[in-house]
Amino acid sequence: MASAQTLSAIIKAYDVRGVVPEQLDEDVCQAVGAAFVDVTGAQRLVVAHDMRESGPALSQAFAAGAASRGASIVDAGLASTDMLYFASGHLELPGAMFTASHNPAKYNGIKMCRAKAVPIGSDSGLSEIRERAASYLGRPMPDPAVVESHDLLTAYARYLRELVDLSGSRALKVVVDAGNGMGGYTVPAVLGDAVLGKLPLQIVPLYFELDGSFPNHEANPLEPANLVDLQAEVVKQGADIGLAFDGDADRCFVVDAAGAAVSPSAITALVADRELARAPGAAVIHNLITSRAVPQLIAERGGTPVRTRVGHSYIKARMAETDAVFGGEHSAHYYFRDFWRADTGMLAAMHVLAALGEQPAPLAELVAGYARYTESGEINSTVRDQGERIEAVRAAFSARATATDELDGLTVEFADGSWINVRPSNTEPLLRLNVEAPDEPAMTALRDEALGVIRG
């Protein structure tokens, strides 16, 4: 039987994530469902799940727990995470999405939000949910919830097509790697002709079969090894662009016609450029790990760059405070004011396709102006004492630093525009290093020096 200690292990800063059934089972989910209603006061809520085998049973248990506390249930069935956010915004209901995103097959989890996709994190209700859920563990399983089912795929696809009109694009050949995740469900509806009619896009599908065992590769395109198949297929097909979605399809990675990965920072800058053209002078959010090219471009286009720490709950809160039109992270999470400030990889992909299709140049040429520096990508190091290693980095670079800050971990800036950031993982004994410099040799030297300090 699960315990309060189990809840502490699986209820993390932004969501619930655990191994099924050792950590996350139906008892835990019904307890969290009941606690969710207690904390949010929800009278009606929407639930959905991805393609993982455990999803239907766990989401039903959550619904039963919520119904036992008086809530009525809208079941959206199979969905990507951004479809759940759409449902929460469109129906103005709190929601719970059952997914473990890019985690391996043995995991599942819950992403929860208030009505209109307002996030729930450790500082906005998740801690209270954990505490209350402990009191519901081990109670007899309630009767199954009475649910009303909603098929939201068509409404979701139509809404996105209204936000970005691709009908005037030049013909594009697009390879899409869904990684056996939910992109295989949403891409045919939004970018294909399965629901709303044909766009000038030829979609070449890779791994569209929904399979939560991920038989081809992990649905985590942040890892370069998981992009190899997409990169090869783009070149083989002579395609204009490649798109890779993670398991719950809320993140999208992009490769160009030569198979080269496009930095999420460059995508953030490109989408910011488009959104500022539509909303001149607006604020745009970027986390502190994105390239310095992003705030530079935002300012050049007349917008207001707003720098935040890493994490969706922080970004969404700052978007609400500043009425920002858009926000982007280095991890390929992209947030839109027109999408209830929620993250959606599909909408970001549509902006990239529109930008590419509106002009004749290849993608590599289009994004070249948005990639002004060389980034290391995120590098993890296992350490015994995170705080001690961060202080070692501070000491090692203090004499050369032009500025430091502690918005999220430690950021050190240098006179040539280079910077390093080292921040601790919330859940593992890791330090995460990001480095940026004006060119490859400078980045490599600074990266290796920083890693020598961290791992020394």
Foldseek 3Di string as FASTA:
>chain_A
DEALVLLVQQLFFFWGKDFPPVRPDLLLLLLLLLLVCVQQVFQEEEEEEKLQPRTVSSRQSSQQSVVVNRHAYEYQYHAFPLLQLLCLAVVQAKYKYWANWLDARRMIIIFTAGRNRQGDGPVRRSVSSSVRSNVRGPDPRGDGHDYHYDHCLLVVLVLLCVVFPQQQFAQFEEEEEALLACCLVNCCNNANQPHPHHHSYHYHYHNSHNDSNSVPDGLQVLDVVVLVVQLVVLQVVQGQKYWGAIRSQLFIWIAGSNSHTDFQLLLLQLVLLVQCVVVPAAEEEEEPQRDPLRCVSCVVRNYHYDYAHDDLNGQLVVCVVRVHQKYTYRSRFIAGVSSSRHTHNVSSVSSLSNQPRVDPDGSCVVSVVSDQWDKDRKDKDADDDLVVLLVLLCVVCVVAFPDWDPNARIKTAGPQGKIKHWHADRNHRIIIIMIIGRDDVVRVVVVVVSVVSNVD
